[in-house]
Amino acid sequence: GYIYQPCTVEPACIPPGAEKVYRACKVADDDCATFLESERTTFEAVGYTAAYPSDSNKVLGYAYPYADNDPPRFPGGPVGDGLVDGFERVIGTKIDSWDSDGDVIGDAEEFSMVGVAVSDPCSGTSGRNCPADVIFQNGFQ
C-alpha cells in the first residue's frame, strides 16, 4: 500500500478515512512492527512500544485500512464492490455504492485495481457522481 507523509496540524490534515501508521519495536525480542492506529492498543499490549532509532518518531504517516464496505450489489450478495475503500477515496468513487455513476456497471469493472480500466466510473447517464473526482477531473484517461 501507500503511506501519506506526516503532516501538521493533526487531525485536520489527515486524509479522510486514513489512520496513523506506526513503526514500533519490542526491544526484548529485537523485533519491530508496522501497524495502524486501530491496531495500536493490541501491539502496545504485547510490548511494541519503543521507537527505533530511539530518537525517531513512531508515526510514519497515514494509510487507509483494508476495507471494502459497499453494500451488496444484489440482496443477500457479498458486501463490497471489489475496490478497497481507500482506493475509492483516492480515485473519487463512492465508498457506499458498488456503482458510483449509476450505469449498472460496477466500479470494479469500470476501474479495476489490476488490468486495464474499461470506462470512467465517475461519469454516466446521470452525470458525474463522484464526490472527490481527483483522478478523473479532466475526464477518463
Protein backbone atom coordinates (compact mmCIF):
# COMPACT_ATOMS: atom_id res chain seq x y z
CA GLY A 1 0.00 0.00 0.00
CA TYR A 2 0.85 3.64 0.18
CA ILE A 3 1.54 5.88 3.16
CA TYR A 4 0.84 9.61 3.21
CA GLN A 5 3.68 11.56 4.82
CA PRO A 6 3.16 13.04 8.29
CA CYS A 7 1.54 16.46 8.34
CA THR A 8 0.57 19.25 10.69
CA VAL A 9 -1.89 20.20 12.22
CA GLU A 10 -3.46 16.86 13.12
CA PRO A 11 -6.14 15.66 12.87
CA ALA A 12 -7.33 18.21 10.28
CA CYS A 13 -4.50 17.37 7.85
CA ILE A 14 -5.06 13.58 7.90
CA PRO A 15 -6.81 12.40 4.71
CA PRO A 16 -10.46 11.45 5.39
CA GLY A 17 -10.74 7.78 6.35
CA ALA A 18 -6.99 7.33 6.84
CA GLU A 19 -5.33 6.29 10.10
CA LYS A 20 -1.90 6.90 11.58
CA VAL A 21 0.69 4.26 10.67
CA TYR A 22 3.19 3.37 13.38
CA ARG A 23 6.53 1.61 13.43
CA ALA A 24 7.35 0.44 16.93
CA CYS A 25 9.75 -2.09 18.34
CA LYS A 26 9.68 -4.74 21.02
CA VAL A 27 13.16 -4.36 22.48
CA ALA A 28 13.07 -7.65 24.43
CA ASP A 29 12.66 -9.62 21.17
CA ASP A 30 14.72 -7.30 18.95
CA ASP A 31 11.66 -7.04 16.68
CA CYS A 32 9.76 -4.18 15.06
CA ALA A 33 6.28 -3.97 13.52
CA THR A 34 4.22 -1.54 11.48
CA PHE A 35 0.55 -1.14 12.30
CA LEU A 36 -2.42 1.20 12.04
CA GLU A 37 -3.92 3.32 14.80
CA SER A 38 -6.82 0.86 15.08
CA GLU A 39 -4.28 -1.89 15.95
CA ARG A 40 -2.06 0.19 18.24
CA THR A 41 -3.55 -0.94 21.58
CA THR A 42 -3.05 -4.60 20.67
CA PHE A 43 0.58 -4.12 19.57
CA GLU A 44 1.47 -1.97 22.56
CA ALA A 45 -0.08 -4.52 24.93
CA VAL A 46 2.43 -7.15 23.75
CA GLY A 47 5.42 -4.84 24.00
CA TYR A 48 5.74 -2.89 20.75
CA THR A 49 6.30 0.50 22.37
CA ALA A 50 9.84 1.68 21.54
CA ALA A 51 10.87 3.92 18.66
CA TYR A 52 13.82 2.87 16.54
CA PRO A 53 16.15 4.61 16.35
CA SER A 54 15.28 5.73 19.85
CA ASP A 55 15.05 9.43 18.94
CA SER A 56 12.77 8.87 15.92
CA ASN A 57 9.04 9.37 15.61
CA LYS A 58 6.96 6.18 15.73
CA VAL A 59 4.39 7.71 13.36
CA LEU A 60 5.40 7.05 9.75
CA GLY A 61 2.39 8.78 8.22
CA TYR A 62 -1.18 7.82 7.34
CA ALA A 63 -2.80 4.98 5.42
CA TYR A 64 -6.22 3.52 4.75
CA PRO A 65 -7.26 0.30 6.49
CA TYR A 66 -8.12 -2.65 4.28
CA ALA A 67 -11.89 -2.49 3.93
CA ASP A 68 -14.48 -2.77 1.16
CA ASN A 69 -17.75 -1.75 2.73
CA ASP A 70 -20.01 -1.03 -0.25
CA PRO A 71 -23.47 -2.58 0.18
CA PRO A 72 -24.16 -5.80 -1.76
CA ARG A 73 -24.90 -5.48 -5.47
CA PHE A 74 -27.80 -7.90 -5.08
CA PRO A 75 -29.89 -8.61 -1.95
CA GLY A 76 -28.09 -11.28 0.03
CA GLY A 77 -24.97 -10.92 -2.11
CA PRO A 78 -21.45 -10.28 -0.86
CA VAL A 79 -20.59 -6.90 0.63
CA GLY A 80 -18.17 -4.77 -1.37
CA ASP A 81 -17.64 -3.81 -4.96
CA GLY A 82 -14.12 -5.18 -5.35
CA LEU A 83 -12.37 -1.84 -4.77
CA VAL A 84 -10.85 -1.15 -1.37
CA ASP A 85 -12.44 1.91 0.29
CA GLY A 86 -9.11 3.76 0.47
CA PHE A 87 -8.55 3.28 -3.26
CA GLU A 88 -12.06 4.58 -3.93
CA ARG A 89 -11.27 7.67 -1.86
CA VAL A 90 -8.16 8.28 -3.97
CA ILE A 91 -9.86 7.87 -7.37
CA GLY A 92 -13.04 9.62 -6.25
CA THR A 93 -15.66 6.90 -6.48
CA LYS A 94 -18.28 6.41 -3.76
CA ILE A 95 -17.34 4.09 -0.91
CA ASP A 96 -21.01 3.40 -0.23
CA SER A 97 -22.10 2.34 -3.72
CA TRP A 98 -20.96 -0.51 -5.95
CA ASP A 99 -21.87 1.66 -8.98
CA SER A 100 -20.85 5.30 -8.40
CA ASP A 101 -22.15 6.63 -11.70
CA GLY A 102 -25.38 4.62 -11.82
CA ASP A 103 -24.77 2.99 -15.21
CA VAL A 104 -25.23 -0.57 -13.86
CA ILE A 105 -21.58 -1.39 -14.45
CA GLY A 106 -19.80 -1.83 -11.12
CA ASP A 107 -16.92 0.42 -10.13
CA ALA A 108 -14.51 -2.53 -10.02
CA GLU A 109 -15.46 -3.46 -13.58
CA GLU A 110 -15.05 0.10 -14.82
CA PHE A 111 -11.84 0.79 -12.95
CA SER A 112 -10.23 -2.45 -11.86
CA MET A 113 -7.33 -2.40 -9.41
CA VAL A 114 -5.43 -4.61 -11.83
CA GLY A 115 -5.65 -4.73 -15.57
CA VAL A 116 -7.00 -2.08 -17.87
CA ALA A 117 -9.96 0.05 -16.89
CA VAL A 118 -12.87 -0.13 -19.32
CA SER A 119 -14.56 3.19 -18.59
CA ASP A 120 -14.79 6.13 -16.21
CA PRO A 121 -16.60 5.04 -13.02
CA CYS A 122 -17.48 8.67 -12.34
CA SER A 123 -19.46 9.54 -15.45
CA GLY A 124 -22.55 8.02 -16.95
CA THR A 125 -26.07 8.78 -17.96
CA SER A 126 -26.68 10.56 -14.66
CA GLY A 127 -23.59 12.77 -14.93
CA ARG A 128 -20.55 12.93 -12.70
CA ASN A 129 -21.40 11.28 -9.41
CA CYS A 130 -18.10 11.01 -7.59
CA PRO A 131 -17.52 13.43 -4.72
CA ALA A 132 -13.71 13.66 -4.82
CA ASP A 133 -13.22 13.46 -8.59
CA VAL A 134 -9.46 13.75 -8.14
CA ILE A 135 -8.11 11.44 -10.82
CA PHE A 136 -10.96 11.91 -13.27
CA GLN A 137 -11.25 15.70 -13.04
CA ASN A 138 -10.12 16.07 -16.68
CA GLY A 139 -12.02 13.06 -18.00
CA PHE A 140 -11.25 9.36 -18.24
CA GLN A 141 -7.74 8.57 -19.46
